[in-house]
Amino acid sequence: MPDHPSFTIHRGAKQRGMGLHMHAHGEAQLTFAASGMVQIHTEAGRWLVPPQLAAWVPADVAHRVEVLTDAELWVVHWQPSAMRAWSPPTLYVRAFALRVTPLLRSLLDAAFAADTGPGKAELLVRLMLHELTETADAPTFLPLPTSLVGQRVADLALADHRNRLDVGELALRAATSARTLSRLFPTETGLTFKAWRQRARIAHAMDRLARGHAIATVSAEAGFASTAAFSCAFRQVTAMTPTTFLGRPDTASASAS
């Protein structure tokens, strides 16, 4: 990859289970999984990053990277001086997931091509900054509550993969009330508790699918009555079917998978 004082470009193969502990650095970072899947954790929540998405982490934001499947990662770092000179005023200073648009994918392909020199790479990574548009309410992002009560409820709900505990039981176990629970989650996560819990179930299912588990198995583990019901819930949260998520032609229903 071309060396440049304002940015660095790195690609590398990562094996499942590898990753980086919580850390921060002075460079802004874009992470794209050309194949496979990773998960990015910050204090605000966690993002699953399949090939349809990329993850933006600004400078000095603490984050952790977890490699869920064997993956080829493409990573671009921008120095603070480059960010000041090149980034558009609308670029957010918080971490977010973004959809890989056809233009962004073309820019990445060209920047990571073996014959791309430093001058051309600079033009490409400068333009990339203008394609980093946050995907509002990204379906693979699970925001985490900030209060101790909210965190207790979230931990209990995340451990209840089959959705066996109702709201009243979760509230009781977290030493709070259902009314408090229903008020906390919209305030602290931007989602109702029902919507947050469904997203948590689907995020867990996405993790399991990415690790190679069959759709029918994941559906049963998540407590859905059928693969058809699972596929419907998956589509409601992610706007894609489980087979599409896995990068397969969606020529049949998930129940046939």
C-alpha atoms as a PDB file:
ATOM      1  CA  MET A   1       0.000   0.000   0.000  1.00  0.00           C
ATOM      2  CA  PRO A   2       1.280   3.541  -0.720  1.00  0.00           C
ATOM      3  CA  ASP A   3       2.880   5.464   2.132  1.00  0.00           C
ATOM      4  CA  HIS A   4       1.635   9.003   2.731  1.00  0.00           C
ATOM      5  CA  PRO A   5       2.084  11.401   5.672  1.00  0.00           C
ATOM      6  CA  SER A   6      -1.627  12.280   5.775  1.00  0.00           C
ATOM      7  CA  PHE A   7      -3.140   8.790   5.678  1.00  0.00           C
ATOM      8  CA  THR A   8      -2.350   5.091   5.735  1.00  0.00           C
ATOM      9  CA  ILE A   9      -4.016   2.213   3.924  1.00  0.00           C
ATOM     10  CA  HIS A  10      -3.801  -1.333   5.227  1.00  0.00           C
ATOM     11  CA  ARG A  11      -5.354  -4.624   4.234  1.00  0.00           C
ATOM     12  CA  GLY A  12      -4.958  -7.901   6.046  1.00  0.00           C
ATOM     13  CA  ALA A  13      -6.463 -11.333   6.570  1.00  0.00           C
ATOM     14  CA  LYS A  14      -7.824 -11.920  10.061  1.00  0.00           C
ATOM     15  CA  GLN A  15      -8.822 -15.268  11.470  1.00  0.00           C
ATOM     16  CA  ARG A  16     -12.003 -15.835  13.412  1.00  0.00           C
ATOM     17  CA  GLY A  17     -11.511 -15.011  17.077  1.00  0.00           C
ATOM     18  CA  MET A  18      -8.790 -12.439  16.470  1.00  0.00           C
ATOM     19  CA  GLY A  19      -9.308  -8.795  17.307  1.00  0.00           C
ATOM     20  CA  LEU A  20      -8.095  -5.769  19.204  1.00  0.00           C
ATOM     21  CA  HIS A  21      -8.786  -4.882  22.819  1.00  0.00           C
ATOM     22  CA  MET A  22     -10.414  -1.556  23.693  1.00  0.00           C
ATOM     23  CA  HIS A  23      -8.105   1.207  22.518  1.00  0.00           C
ATOM     24  CA  ALA A  24      -8.061   4.681  20.974  1.00  0.00           C
ATOM     25  CA  HIS A  25      -5.709   6.441  18.589  1.00  0.00           C
ATOM     26  CA  GLY A  26      -5.199   9.873  17.102  1.00  0.00           C
ATOM     27  CA  GLU A  27      -6.220   8.876  13.581  1.00  0.00           C
ATOM     28  CA  ALA A  28      -9.771   8.594  12.266  1.00  0.00           C
ATOM     29  CA  GLN A  29     -10.514   5.113  10.957  1.00  0.00           C
ATOM     30  CA  LEU A  30     -12.707   3.476   8.324  1.00  0.00           C
ATOM     31  CA  THR A  31     -13.044  -0.319   8.554  1.00  0.00           C
ATOM     32  CA  PHE A  32     -14.463  -2.345   5.677  1.00  0.00           C
ATOM     33  CA  ALA A  33     -14.715  -6.140   5.589  1.00  0.00           C
ATOM     34  CA  ALA A  34     -14.152  -7.120   1.968  1.00  0.00           C
ATOM     35  CA  SER A  35     -15.104 -10.613   3.101  1.00  0.00           C
ATOM     36  CA  GLY A  36     -16.226 -12.041   6.403  1.00  0.00           C
ATOM     37  CA  MET A  37     -17.591 -10.042   9.308  1.00  0.00           C
ATOM     38  CA  VAL A  38     -16.326  -8.069  12.281  1.00  0.00           C
ATOM     39  CA  GLN A  39     -17.983  -6.387  15.222  1.00  0.00           C
ATOM     40  CA  ILE A  40     -16.976  -2.933  16.463  1.00  0.00           C
ATOM     41  CA  HIS A  41     -17.639  -2.071  20.107  1.00  0.00           C
ATOM     42  CA  THR A  42     -17.680   1.438  21.593  1.00  0.00           C
ATOM     43  CA  GLU A  43     -19.103   2.785  24.836  1.00  0.00           C
ATOM     44  CA  ALA A  44     -22.244   3.774  22.895  1.00  0.00           C
ATOM     45  CA  GLY A  45     -22.977   0.265  21.650  1.00  0.00           C
ATOM     46  CA  ARG A  46     -21.830  -2.250  19.110  1.00  0.00           C
ATOM     47  CA  TRP A  47     -22.002  -2.609  15.342  1.00  0.00           C
ATOM     48  CA  LEU A  48     -21.979  -5.783  13.317  1.00  0.00           C
ATOM     49  CA  VAL A  49     -20.112  -4.962  10.100  1.00  0.00           C
ATOM     50  CA  PRO A  50     -20.939  -7.286   7.185  1.00  0.00           C
ATOM     51  CA  PRO A  51     -19.633  -6.472   3.679  1.00  0.00           C
ATOM     52  CA  GLN A  52     -22.677  -4.290   2.969  1.00  0.00           C
ATOM     53  CA  LEU A  53     -21.567  -1.844   5.662  1.00  0.00           C
ATOM     54  CA  ALA A  54     -18.416  -0.133   6.900  1.00  0.00           C
ATOM     55  CA  ALA A  55     -17.638   1.379  10.286  1.00  0.00           C
ATOM     56  CA  TRP A  56     -16.398   4.905  10.930  1.00  0.00           C
ATOM     57  CA  VAL A  57     -14.534   5.593  14.179  1.00  0.00           C
ATOM     58  CA  PRO A  58     -13.328   9.178  14.724  1.00  0.00           C
ATOM     59  CA  ALA A  59      -9.977   9.980  16.302  1.00  0.00           C
ATOM     60  CA  ASP A  60      -9.676   9.412  20.051  1.00  0.00           C
ATOM     61  CA  VAL A  61     -12.874   7.328  20.309  1.00  0.00           C
ATOM     62  CA  ALA A  62     -12.231   4.160  22.311  1.00  0.00           C
ATOM     63  CA  HIS A  63     -13.226   1.049  20.390  1.00  0.00           C
ATOM     64  CA  ARG A  64     -12.705  -2.696  20.275  1.00  0.00           C
ATOM     65  CA  VAL A  65     -12.651  -4.931  17.196  1.00  0.00           C
ATOM     66  CA  GLU A  66     -13.892  -8.532  17.283  1.00  0.00           C
ATOM     67  CA  VAL A  67     -13.384 -10.775  14.250  1.00  0.00           C
ATOM     68  CA  LEU A  68     -16.466 -13.015  14.008  1.00  0.00           C
ATOM     69  CA  THR A  69     -15.473 -14.987  10.913  1.00  0.00           C
ATOM     70  CA  ASP A  70     -12.339 -15.295   8.816  1.00  0.00           C
ATOM     71  CA  ALA A  71     -12.195 -11.881   7.173  1.00  0.00           C
ATOM     72  CA  GLU A  72     -10.213  -9.679   4.848  1.00  0.00           C
ATOM     73  CA  LEU A  73     -10.173  -6.202   6.352  1.00  0.00           C
ATOM     74  CA  TRP A  74      -9.481  -2.979   4.495  1.00  0.00           C
ATOM     75  CA  VAL A  75      -8.644  -0.120   6.861  1.00  0.00           C
ATOM     76  CA  VAL A  76      -7.958   3.529   6.103  1.00  0.00           C
ATOM     77  CA  HIS A  77      -6.535   5.929   8.723  1.00  0.00           C
ATOM     78  CA  TRP A  78      -6.560   9.714   8.342  1.00  0.00           C
ATOM     79  CA  GLN A  79      -4.198  11.903  10.344  1.00  0.00           C
ATOM     80  CA  PRO A  80      -5.750  14.878  12.226  1.00  0.00           C
ATOM     81  CA  SER A  81      -4.176  17.315   9.764  1.00  0.00           C
ATOM     82  CA  ALA A  82      -5.844  15.503   6.855  1.00  0.00           C
ATOM     83  CA  MET A  83      -9.203  15.522   8.613  1.00  0.00           C
ATOM     84  CA  ARG A  84      -8.967  19.273   9.189  1.00  0.00           C
ATOM     85  CA  ALA A  85      -8.059  19.912   5.563  1.00  0.00           C
ATOM     86  CA  TRP A  86     -10.204  17.351   3.747  1.00  0.00           C
ATOM     87  CA  SER A  87     -13.293  16.363   5.712  1.00  0.00           C
ATOM     88  CA  PRO A  88     -16.668  17.948   4.961  1.00  0.00           C
ATOM     89  CA  PRO A  89     -18.297  19.951   7.772  1.00  0.00           C
ATOM     90  CA  THR A  90     -21.130  17.425   7.983  1.00  0.00           C
ATOM     91  CA  LEU A  91     -18.888  14.495   8.983  1.00  0.00           C
ATOM     92  CA  TYR A  92     -19.913  13.427  12.470  1.00  0.00           C
ATOM     93  CA  VAL A  93     -17.527  13.188  15.409  1.00  0.00           C
ATOM     94  CA  ARG A  94     -19.125   9.989  16.715  1.00  0.00           C
ATOM     95  CA  ALA A  95     -18.735   6.414  15.539  1.00  0.00           C
ATOM     96  CA  PHE A  96     -21.342   5.124  13.123  1.00  0.00           C
ATOM     97  CA  ALA A  97     -22.092   2.483  10.520  1.00  0.00           C
ATOM     98  CA  LEU A  98     -22.556   3.423   6.886  1.00  0.00           C
ATOM     99  CA  ARG A  99     -23.756   1.648   3.806  1.00  0.00           C
ATOM    100  CA  VAL A 100     -21.072   0.980   1.226  1.00  0.00           C
ATOM    101  CA  THR A 101     -22.422   2.874  -1.771  1.00  0.00           C
ATOM    102  CA  PRO A 102     -21.339   1.854  -5.283  1.00  0.00           C
ATOM    103  CA  LEU A 103     -19.090   4.930  -5.395  1.00  0.00           C
ATOM    104  CA  LEU A 104     -17.492   4.188  -2.027  1.00  0.00           C
ATOM    105  CA  ARG A 105     -16.872   0.587  -3.067  1.00  0.00           C
ATOM    106  CA  SER A 106     -15.233   1.805  -6.295  1.00  0.00           C
ATOM    107  CA  LEU A 107     -13.055   4.217  -4.326  1.00  0.00           C
ATOM    108  CA  LEU A 108     -11.997   1.437  -1.958  1.00  0.00           C
ATOM    109  CA  ASP A 109     -11.254  -0.941  -4.824  1.00  0.00           C
ATOM    110  CA  ALA A 110      -9.105   1.672  -6.542  1.00  0.00           C
ATOM    111  CA  ALA A 111      -7.318   2.780  -3.358  1.00  0.00           C
ATOM    112  CA  PHE A 112      -6.416  -0.794  -2.439  1.00  0.00           C
ATOM    113  CA  ALA A 113      -5.352  -1.824  -5.941  1.00  0.00           C
ATOM    114  CA  ALA A 114      -1.735  -2.949  -6.106  1.00  0.00           C
ATOM    115  CA  ASP A 115      -0.791  -0.439  -8.810  1.00  0.00           C
ATOM    116  CA  THR A 116      -2.227   2.660  -7.099  1.00  0.00           C
ATOM    117  CA  GLY A 117       0.454   5.216  -6.256  1.00  0.00           C
ATOM    118  CA  PRO A 118       0.449   7.736  -3.372  1.00  0.00           C
ATOM    119  CA  GLY A 119      -0.817  10.656  -5.463  1.00  0.00           C
ATOM    120  CA  LYS A 120      -3.830   8.807  -6.819  1.00  0.00           C
ATOM    121  CA  ALA A 121      -4.489   7.235  -3.414  1.00  0.00           C
ATOM    122  CA  GLU A 122      -4.637  10.686  -1.831  1.00  0.00           C
ATOM    123  CA  LEU A 123      -7.343  11.792  -4.254  1.00  0.00           C
ATOM    124  CA  LEU A 124      -9.291   8.608  -3.561  1.00  0.00           C
ATOM    125  CA  VAL A 125      -9.189   8.817   0.239  1.00  0.00           C
ATOM    126  CA  ARG A 126     -10.062  12.522   0.148  1.00  0.00           C
ATOM    127  CA  LEU A 127     -13.171  11.720  -1.859  1.00  0.00           C
ATOM    128  CA  MET A 128     -13.999   8.843   0.502  1.00  0.00           C
ATOM    129  CA  LEU A 129     -14.555  11.349   3.292  1.00  0.00           C
ATOM    130  CA  HIS A 130     -17.411  12.857   1.297  1.00  0.00           C
ATOM    131  CA  GLU A 131     -19.089   9.448   0.942  1.00  0.00           C
ATOM    132  CA  LEU A 132     -19.112   8.716   4.678  1.00  0.00           C
ATOM    133  CA  THR A 133     -22.789   9.329   5.290  1.00  0.00           C
ATOM    134  CA  GLU A 134     -24.216   7.882   8.462  1.00  0.00           C
ATOM    135  CA  THR A 135     -26.876   5.227   7.991  1.00  0.00           C
ATOM    136  CA  ALA A 136     -29.612   6.475  10.274  1.00  0.00           C
ATOM    137  CA  ASP A 137     -30.771   3.813  12.705  1.00  0.00           C
ATOM    138  CA  ALA A 138     -28.360   1.291  11.174  1.00  0.00           C
ATOM    139  CA  PRO A 139     -29.943  -2.132  11.695  1.00  0.00           C
ATOM    140  CA  THR A 140     -26.699  -3.766  12.809  1.00  0.00           C
ATOM    141  CA  PHE A 141     -26.123  -1.179  15.572  1.00  0.00           C
ATOM    142  CA  LEU A 142     -27.298  -2.075  19.052  1.00  0.00           C
ATOM    143  CA  PRO A 143     -27.247   1.039  21.258  1.00  0.00           C
ATOM    144  CA  LEU A 144     -26.652   0.359  24.937  1.00  0.00           C
ATOM    145  CA  PRO A 145     -28.430   2.103  27.820  1.00  0.00           C
ATOM    146  CA  THR A 146     -26.275   4.347  29.980  1.00  0.00           C
ATOM    147  CA  SER A 147     -27.896   4.065  33.419  1.00  0.00           C
ATOM    148  CA  LEU A 148     -27.096   1.239  35.809  1.00  0.00           C
ATOM    149  CA  VAL A 149     -30.730   0.132  35.806  1.00  0.00           C
ATOM    150  CA  GLY A 150     -30.854   0.158  32.013  1.00  0.00           C
ATOM    151  CA  GLN A 151     -27.620  -1.799  31.832  1.00  0.00           C
ATOM    152  CA  ARG A 152     -28.961  -4.439  34.214  1.00  0.00           C
ATOM    153  CA  VAL A 153     -32.081  -4.847  32.088  1.00  0.00           C
ATOM    154  CA  ALA A 154     -30.010  -5.000  28.890  1.00  0.00           C
ATOM    155  CA  ASP A 155     -27.709  -7.671  30.330  1.00  0.00           C
ATOM    156  CA  LEU A 156     -30.681  -9.796  31.353  1.00  0.00           C
ATOM    157  CA  ALA A 157     -32.396  -9.371  27.984  1.00  0.00           C
ATOM    158  CA  LEU A 158     -29.211 -10.131  26.036  1.00  0.00           C
ATOM    159  CA  ALA A 159     -28.785 -13.369  27.997  1.00  0.00           C
ATOM    160  CA  ASP A 160     -32.403 -14.351  27.261  1.00  0.00           C
ATOM    161  CA  HIS A 161     -31.844 -15.303  23.613  1.00  0.00           C
ATOM    162  CA  ARG A 162     -35.110 -17.232  23.366  1.00  0.00           C
ATOM    163  CA  ASN A 163     -37.152 -14.277  24.631  1.00  0.00           C
ATOM    164  CA  ARG A 164     -38.660 -16.309  27.466  1.00  0.00           C
ATOM    165  CA  LEU A 165     -38.792 -13.520  30.075  1.00  0.00           C
ATOM    166  CA  ASP A 166     -41.588 -10.987  29.779  1.00  0.00           C
ATOM    167  CA  VAL A 167     -41.133  -7.314  30.584  1.00  0.00           C
ATOM    168  CA  GLY A 168     -42.457  -7.700  34.115  1.00  0.00           C
ATOM    169  CA  GLU A 169     -40.037 -10.519  34.936  1.00  0.00           C
ATOM    170  CA  LEU A 170     -37.080  -8.624  33.471  1.00  0.00           C
ATOM    171  CA  ALA A 171     -37.998  -5.540  35.475  1.00  0.00           C
ATOM    172  CA  LEU A 172     -38.356  -7.597  38.658  1.00  0.00           C
ATOM    173  CA  ARG A 173     -34.968  -9.247  38.196  1.00  0.00           C
ATOM    174  CA  ALA A 174     -33.364  -5.866  37.508  1.00  0.00           C
ATOM    175  CA  ALA A 175     -34.922  -4.390  40.678  1.00  0.00           C
ATOM    176  CA  THR A 176     -36.980  -1.852  38.759  1.00  0.00           C
ATOM    177  CA  SER A 177     -40.490  -1.515  37.346  1.00  0.00           C
ATOM    178  CA  ALA A 178     -41.909  -2.134  33.902  1.00  0.00           C
ATOM    179  CA  ARG A 179     -42.923   1.525  33.767  1.00  0.00           C
ATOM    180  CA  THR A 180     -39.369   2.686  34.490  1.00  0.00           C
ATOM    181  CA  LEU A 181     -38.021   0.232  31.933  1.00  0.00           C
ATOM    182  CA  SER A 182     -40.386   1.519  29.244  1.00  0.00           C
ATOM    183  CA  ARG A 183     -39.301   5.086  29.976  1.00  0.00           C
ATOM    184  CA  LEU A 184     -35.553   4.431  30.132  1.00  0.00           C
ATOM    185  CA  PHE A 185     -34.979   2.730  26.797  1.00  0.00           C
ATOM    186  CA  PRO A 186     -36.391   5.426  24.473  1.00  0.00           C
ATOM    187  CA  THR A 187     -34.468   8.061  26.447  1.00  0.00           C
ATOM    188  CA  GLU A 188     -31.161   6.197  26.570  1.00  0.00           C
ATOM    189  CA  THR A 189     -31.159   4.192  23.317  1.00  0.00           C
ATOM    190  CA  GLY A 190     -33.636   5.966  21.040  1.00  0.00           C
ATOM    191  CA  LEU A 191     -35.670   2.753  20.765  1.00  0.00           C
ATOM    192  CA  THR A 192     -38.645   1.449  22.667  1.00  0.00           C
ATOM    193  CA  PHE A 193     -37.755  -1.550  24.792  1.00  0.00           C
ATOM    194  CA  LYS A 194     -39.752  -3.826  22.475  1.00  0.00           C
ATOM    195  CA  ALA A 195     -37.891  -2.530  19.409  1.00  0.00           C
ATOM    196  CA  TRP A 196     -34.536  -2.683  21.230  1.00  0.00           C
ATOM    197  CA  ARG A 197     -35.132  -6.257  22.340  1.00  0.00           C
ATOM    198  CA  GLN A 198     -36.105  -7.372  18.843  1.00  0.00           C
ATOM    199  CA  ARG A 199     -33.001  -5.739  17.432  1.00  0.00           C
ATOM    200  CA  ALA A 200     -30.898  -7.452  20.100  1.00  0.00           C
ATOM    201  CA  ARG A 201     -32.381 -10.832  19.123  1.00  0.00           C
ATOM    202  CA  ILE A 202     -31.684 -10.218  15.451  1.00  0.00           C
ATOM    203  CA  ALA A 203     -28.165  -8.908  16.157  1.00  0.00           C
ATOM    204  CA  HIS A 204     -27.430 -12.093  18.085  1.00  0.00           C
ATOM    205  CA  ALA A 205     -28.897 -14.115  15.224  1.00  0.00           C
ATOM    206  CA  MET A 206     -26.697 -12.257  12.715  1.00  0.00           C
ATOM    207  CA  ASP A 207     -23.666 -13.129  14.820  1.00  0.00           C
ATOM    208  CA  ARG A 208     -24.665 -16.813  14.846  1.00  0.00           C
ATOM    209  CA  LEU A 209     -25.356 -16.835  11.105  1.00  0.00           C
ATOM    210  CA  ALA A 210     -22.000 -15.216  10.425  1.00  0.00           C
ATOM    211  CA  ARG A 211     -20.308 -17.961  12.426  1.00  0.00           C
ATOM    212  CA  GLY A 212     -21.726 -20.579  10.069  1.00  0.00           C
ATOM    213  CA  HIS A 213     -24.840 -21.806  11.891  1.00  0.00           C
ATOM    214  CA  ALA A 214     -27.803 -22.824   9.732  1.00  0.00           C
ATOM    215  CA  ILE A 215     -30.785 -20.486   9.443  1.00  0.00           C
ATOM    216  CA  ALA A 216     -33.162 -23.074  10.907  1.00  0.00           C
ATOM    217  CA  THR A 217     -30.845 -23.648  13.872  1.00  0.00           C
ATOM    218  CA  VAL A 218     -30.465 -19.944  14.575  1.00  0.00           C
ATOM    219  CA  SER A 219     -34.214 -19.444  14.274  1.00  0.00           C
ATOM    220  CA  ALA A 220     -34.866 -22.139  16.877  1.00  0.00           C
ATOM    221  CA  GLU A 221     -32.154 -20.826  19.197  1.00  0.00           C
ATOM    222  CA  ALA A 222     -33.720 -17.372  19.066  1.00  0.00           C
ATOM    223  CA  GLY A 223     -37.099 -18.773  20.073  1.00  0.00           C
ATOM    224  CA  PHE A 224     -38.998 -18.178  16.823  1.00  0.00           C
ATOM    225  CA  ALA A 225     -41.894 -20.514  16.040  1.00  0.00           C
ATOM    226  CA  SER A 226     -40.671 -21.080  12.478  1.00  0.00           C
ATOM    227  CA  THR A 227     -37.982 -20.011  10.035  1.00  0.00           C
ATOM    228  CA  ALA A 228     -40.656 -18.033   8.210  1.00  0.00           C
ATOM    229  CA  ALA A 229     -41.390 -16.023  11.366  1.00  0.00           C
ATOM    230  CA  PHE A 230     -37.662 -15.551  11.897  1.00  0.00           C
ATOM    231  CA  SER A 231     -37.181 -14.374   8.308  1.00  0.00           C
ATOM    232  CA  CYS A 232     -40.045 -11.887   8.694  1.00  0.00           C
ATOM    233  CA  ALA A 233     -38.579 -10.431  11.910  1.00  0.00           C
ATOM    234  CA  PHE A 234     -35.099 -10.372  10.361  1.00  0.00           C
ATOM    235  CA  ARG A 235     -36.408  -8.447   7.361  1.00  0.00           C
ATOM    236  CA  GLN A 236     -38.269  -5.957   9.571  1.00  0.00           C
ATOM    237  CA  VAL A 237     -35.063  -5.104  11.447  1.00  0.00           C
ATOM    238  CA  THR A 238     -32.474  -5.277   8.664  1.00  0.00           C
ATOM    239  CA  ALA A 239     -34.476  -4.734   5.436  1.00  0.00           C
ATOM    240  CA  MET A 240     -32.998  -7.979   4.080  1.00  0.00           C
ATOM    241  CA  THR A 241     -33.617 -11.694   4.450  1.00  0.00           C
ATOM    242  CA  PRO A 242     -31.206 -14.011   6.269  1.00  0.00           C
ATOM    243  CA  THR A 243     -30.104 -15.508   2.945  1.00  0.00           C
ATOM    244  CA  THR A 244     -29.377 -12.059   1.513  1.00  0.00           C
ATOM    245  CA  PHE A 245     -27.452 -11.184   4.658  1.00  0.00           C
ATOM    246  CA  LEU A 246     -25.298 -14.259   4.112  1.00  0.00           C
ATOM    247  CA  GLY A 247     -24.552 -13.113   0.562  1.00  0.00           C
ATOM    248  CA  ARG A 248     -26.496 -15.890  -1.120  1.00  0.00           C
ATOM    249  CA  PRO A 249     -28.999 -15.471  -3.959  1.00  0.00           C
ATOM    250  CA  ASP A 250     -32.367 -15.036  -2.299  1.00  0.00           C
ATOM    251  CA  THR A 251     -34.216 -17.321  -4.703  1.00  0.00           C
ATOM    252  CA  ALA A 252     -36.106 -19.180  -2.013  1.00  0.00           C
ATOM    253  CA  SER A 253     -37.627 -18.355   1.306  1.00  0.00           C
ATOM    254  CA  ALA A 254     -35.579 -18.707   4.455  1.00  0.00           C
ATOM    255  CA  SER A 255     -37.729 -21.681   5.420  1.00  0.00           C
ATOM    256  CA  ALA A 256     -36.208 -23.611   2.551  1.00  0.00           C
ATOM    257  CA  SER A 257     -32.678 -22.847   3.712  1.00  0.00           C
END
